[in-house]
Amino acid sequence: MPHVFPLGQAAHESELVAEDTIEYADVDKRYQQSTFASHFVEVGVNGFTGEVRIRRMLAVCSAGRILNPKTARNQVIGAMTMGAGAALMEELAVDTRRGFFVNHDLAGYEVPVHADIPHQDVIFLDEVDPLSSPMKAKGVGELGLCGVAAAIANAVYNATGVRVRDYPITLDKHLAHLPRMS
């Protein structure tokens, strides 16, 4: 019968080290290893004030095997929220005469909160990429962020007919171009 020792006792007289590697060979040269996502956003734009409100957001992601669906979903939703902030409210103001950031703290810097985005959803396509890694998984790090601001800008355009090409999409950039309400 084998003896059982606590790990601390087994490593008492010397250092306990474990190493491993993953060999990818030339897989990244022969196959595309990227993850992919599409973002869909529905907004409402007040016809009189021009105020933009996000009604709902959806991300459809292809990232191989999802090892932990709850944390992957939360990561993508957090990134979608960051993208909403970048598209609608986060602006870096620079004093061009003196060369410093005017809003260098969070006192007047707006970031989105739950009330700004009432409904977010994420769909992970059920797929396994046998070439991506031994776990057949890929990362979801930037999936939720890349494309969100463009989806919001397109939703604003679809709602108003006004194309805003620089972020954040603030009232001063589209209010004067909104169609007249009767």
Protein backbone atom coordinates (compact mmCIF):
# COMPACT_ATOMS: atom_id res chain seq x y z
CA MET A 1 0.00 0.00 0.00
CA PRO A 2 1.48 3.40 -0.96
CA HIS A 3 2.24 5.92 1.75
CA VAL A 4 0.32 9.19 1.80
CA PHE A 5 2.28 12.33 2.60
CA PRO A 6 1.07 15.92 2.81
CA LEU A 7 2.40 18.00 -0.08
CA GLY A 8 4.35 20.27 2.28
CA GLN A 9 6.15 17.27 3.75
CA ALA A 10 6.95 15.83 0.31
CA ALA A 11 8.58 19.10 -0.74
CA HIS A 12 10.18 19.83 2.62
CA GLU A 13 13.78 19.09 1.67
CA SER A 14 13.76 20.46 -1.88
CA GLU A 15 11.81 22.70 -4.21
CA LEU A 16 8.67 21.27 -5.81
CA VAL A 17 8.56 22.19 -9.52
CA ALA A 18 6.20 21.15 -12.31
CA GLU A 19 6.62 22.23 -15.93
CA ASP A 20 4.82 21.47 -19.15
CA THR A 21 4.59 22.84 -22.66
CA ILE A 22 2.16 22.77 -25.55
CA GLU A 23 3.55 22.20 -29.02
CA TYR A 24 1.58 23.99 -31.74
CA ALA A 25 3.89 23.20 -34.67
CA ASP A 26 2.78 25.23 -37.70
CA VAL A 27 -0.97 25.13 -36.99
CA ASP A 28 -1.18 28.94 -36.78
CA LYS A 29 0.40 29.24 -40.23
CA ARG A 30 -1.92 26.72 -41.88
CA TYR A 31 -5.23 27.57 -40.17
CA GLN A 32 -7.04 30.68 -38.95
CA GLN A 33 -6.96 30.69 -35.16
CA SER A 34 -9.14 33.74 -34.51
CA THR A 35 -12.35 34.09 -32.60
CA PHE A 36 -15.31 35.85 -34.18
CA ALA A 37 -18.30 37.82 -32.94
CA SER A 38 -21.23 39.79 -34.30
CA HIS A 39 -22.91 42.52 -32.30
CA PHE A 40 -26.50 43.65 -32.60
CA VAL A 41 -27.85 46.73 -30.84
CA GLU A 42 -31.31 48.27 -30.64
CA VAL A 43 -31.48 51.92 -29.61
CA GLY A 44 -34.20 54.46 -29.12
CA VAL A 45 -33.51 58.08 -30.03
CA ASN A 46 -35.76 60.80 -28.68
CA GLY A 47 -36.99 62.74 -31.71
CA PHE A 48 -37.05 66.06 -29.84
CA THR A 49 -33.98 65.92 -27.60
CA GLY A 50 -31.80 63.50 -29.60
CA GLU A 51 -31.04 61.50 -26.47
CA VAL A 52 -29.85 57.96 -27.30
CA ARG A 53 -30.92 55.05 -25.10
CA ILE A 54 -29.76 51.49 -25.62
CA ARG A 55 -32.72 49.13 -25.40
CA ARG A 56 -30.96 45.82 -25.87
CA MET A 57 -27.69 44.29 -27.03
CA LEU A 58 -26.76 40.87 -28.35
CA ALA A 59 -23.37 39.32 -29.06
CA VAL A 60 -23.09 36.09 -31.03
CA CYS A 61 -19.64 34.59 -30.49
CA SER A 62 -17.60 31.82 -32.04
CA ALA A 63 -14.76 30.95 -29.69
CA GLY A 64 -14.31 27.19 -29.78
CA ARG A 65 -15.16 25.22 -26.66
CA ILE A 66 -16.34 27.47 -23.85
CA LEU A 67 -14.73 26.07 -20.72
CA ASN A 68 -16.74 28.12 -18.21
CA PRO A 69 -19.94 29.50 -19.76
CA LYS A 70 -20.81 31.75 -16.81
CA THR A 71 -17.47 33.57 -16.66
CA ALA A 72 -17.20 33.74 -20.47
CA ARG A 73 -20.68 35.30 -20.67
CA ASN A 74 -19.83 37.78 -17.91
CA GLN A 75 -16.59 38.73 -19.64
CA VAL A 76 -18.40 39.43 -22.91
CA ILE A 77 -21.18 41.41 -21.19
CA GLY A 78 -18.61 43.51 -19.35
CA ALA A 79 -16.84 44.24 -22.61
CA MET A 80 -20.15 45.10 -24.30
CA THR A 81 -20.76 47.62 -21.52
CA MET A 82 -17.31 49.11 -22.10
CA GLY A 83 -18.12 49.41 -25.81
CA ALA A 84 -21.36 51.21 -25.00
CA GLY A 85 -19.45 53.67 -22.86
CA ALA A 86 -16.91 54.26 -25.62
CA ALA A 87 -19.68 54.83 -28.17
CA LEU A 88 -21.95 57.11 -26.17
CA MET A 89 -20.27 58.81 -23.24
CA GLU A 90 -16.55 58.36 -22.66
CA GLU A 91 -14.63 61.30 -24.05
CA LEU A 92 -11.07 62.38 -23.39
CA ALA A 93 -10.93 66.17 -23.33
CA VAL A 94 -7.52 67.68 -24.10
CA ASP A 95 -6.48 71.28 -23.57
CA THR A 96 -4.60 71.79 -26.85
CA ARG A 97 -3.08 75.10 -25.71
CA ARG A 98 -1.39 73.67 -22.63
CA GLY A 99 -1.23 70.02 -23.65
CA PHE A 100 -2.91 68.28 -20.72
CA PHE A 101 -6.00 66.21 -20.13
CA VAL A 102 -8.88 68.28 -18.79
CA ASN A 103 -10.89 65.32 -17.52
CA HIS A 104 -8.04 63.31 -16.01
CA ASP A 105 -10.10 61.92 -13.13
CA LEU A 106 -13.45 60.20 -12.71
CA ALA A 107 -15.23 63.27 -11.29
CA GLY A 108 -16.86 64.21 -14.59
CA TYR A 109 -16.08 61.12 -16.62
CA GLU A 110 -19.24 59.25 -17.51
CA VAL A 111 -19.31 55.48 -17.69
CA PRO A 112 -22.33 53.25 -18.33
CA VAL A 113 -24.26 51.62 -15.52
CA HIS A 114 -26.89 48.88 -15.52
CA ALA A 115 -29.73 51.35 -16.07
CA ASP A 116 -28.05 52.50 -19.32
CA ILE A 117 -28.28 49.00 -20.84
CA PRO A 118 -31.37 47.19 -19.59
CA HIS A 119 -30.93 43.97 -21.60
CA GLN A 120 -27.75 42.25 -22.76
CA ASP A 121 -27.45 38.73 -24.06
CA VAL A 122 -24.64 36.52 -25.34
CA ILE A 123 -24.90 33.46 -27.56
CA PHE A 124 -21.90 31.18 -27.91
CA LEU A 125 -22.01 29.03 -31.01
CA ASP A 126 -21.75 25.39 -30.03
CA GLU A 127 -18.53 24.36 -31.70
CA VAL A 128 -15.26 22.71 -30.90
CA ASP A 129 -12.12 23.76 -32.75
CA PRO A 130 -9.92 20.65 -32.79
CA LEU A 131 -6.92 22.65 -34.05
CA SER A 132 -6.95 25.58 -31.61
CA SER A 133 -5.34 23.91 -28.59
CA PRO A 134 -5.39 20.63 -26.68
CA MET A 135 -8.45 21.95 -24.80
CA LYS A 136 -10.09 22.88 -28.11
CA ALA A 137 -10.82 26.33 -26.69
CA LYS A 138 -9.96 29.90 -27.61
CA GLY A 139 -10.00 33.16 -25.65
CA VAL A 140 -12.99 35.47 -25.40
CA GLY A 141 -11.04 38.51 -24.18
CA GLU A 142 -11.84 41.08 -26.88
CA LEU A 143 -14.93 39.46 -28.39
CA GLY A 144 -17.35 41.57 -26.41
CA LEU A 145 -15.66 44.88 -27.17
CA CYS A 146 -14.65 44.81 -30.81
CA GLY A 147 -17.57 45.95 -32.93
CA VAL A 148 -19.88 47.23 -30.19
CA ALA A 149 -19.34 50.94 -30.86
CA ALA A 150 -19.86 50.41 -34.59
CA ALA A 151 -23.08 48.47 -33.91
CA ILE A 152 -24.33 51.35 -31.74
CA ALA A 153 -23.39 53.93 -34.37
CA ASN A 154 -25.26 51.88 -36.99
CA ALA A 155 -28.30 51.59 -34.72
CA VAL A 156 -28.31 55.38 -34.22
CA TYR A 157 -28.06 55.81 -37.98
CA ASN A 158 -30.94 53.38 -38.56
CA ALA A 159 -33.06 55.26 -36.01
CA THR A 160 -32.28 58.79 -37.20
CA GLY A 161 -30.71 58.74 -40.66
CA VAL A 162 -27.77 60.66 -39.19
CA ARG A 163 -24.33 59.07 -39.56
CA VAL A 164 -21.92 60.04 -36.76
CA ARG A 165 -18.36 58.96 -37.47
CA ASP A 166 -16.49 59.95 -34.33
CA TYR A 167 -17.04 58.82 -30.77
CA PRO A 168 -18.65 59.45 -28.44
CA ILE A 169 -21.96 59.95 -30.19
CA THR A 170 -23.09 63.01 -28.26
CA LEU A 171 -25.97 65.40 -28.86
CA ASP A 172 -23.78 68.09 -30.39
CA LYS A 173 -22.80 65.69 -33.18
CA HIS A 174 -26.28 64.72 -34.37
CA LEU A 175 -29.00 66.87 -32.80
CA ALA A 176 -28.97 69.56 -35.53
CA HIS A 177 -29.24 66.89 -38.24
CA LEU A 178 -32.22 65.01 -36.82
CA PRO A 179 -35.40 65.01 -38.91
CA ARG A 180 -38.00 67.56 -37.78
CA MET A 181 -40.70 66.14 -35.53
CA SER A 182 -44.25 67.41 -36.09
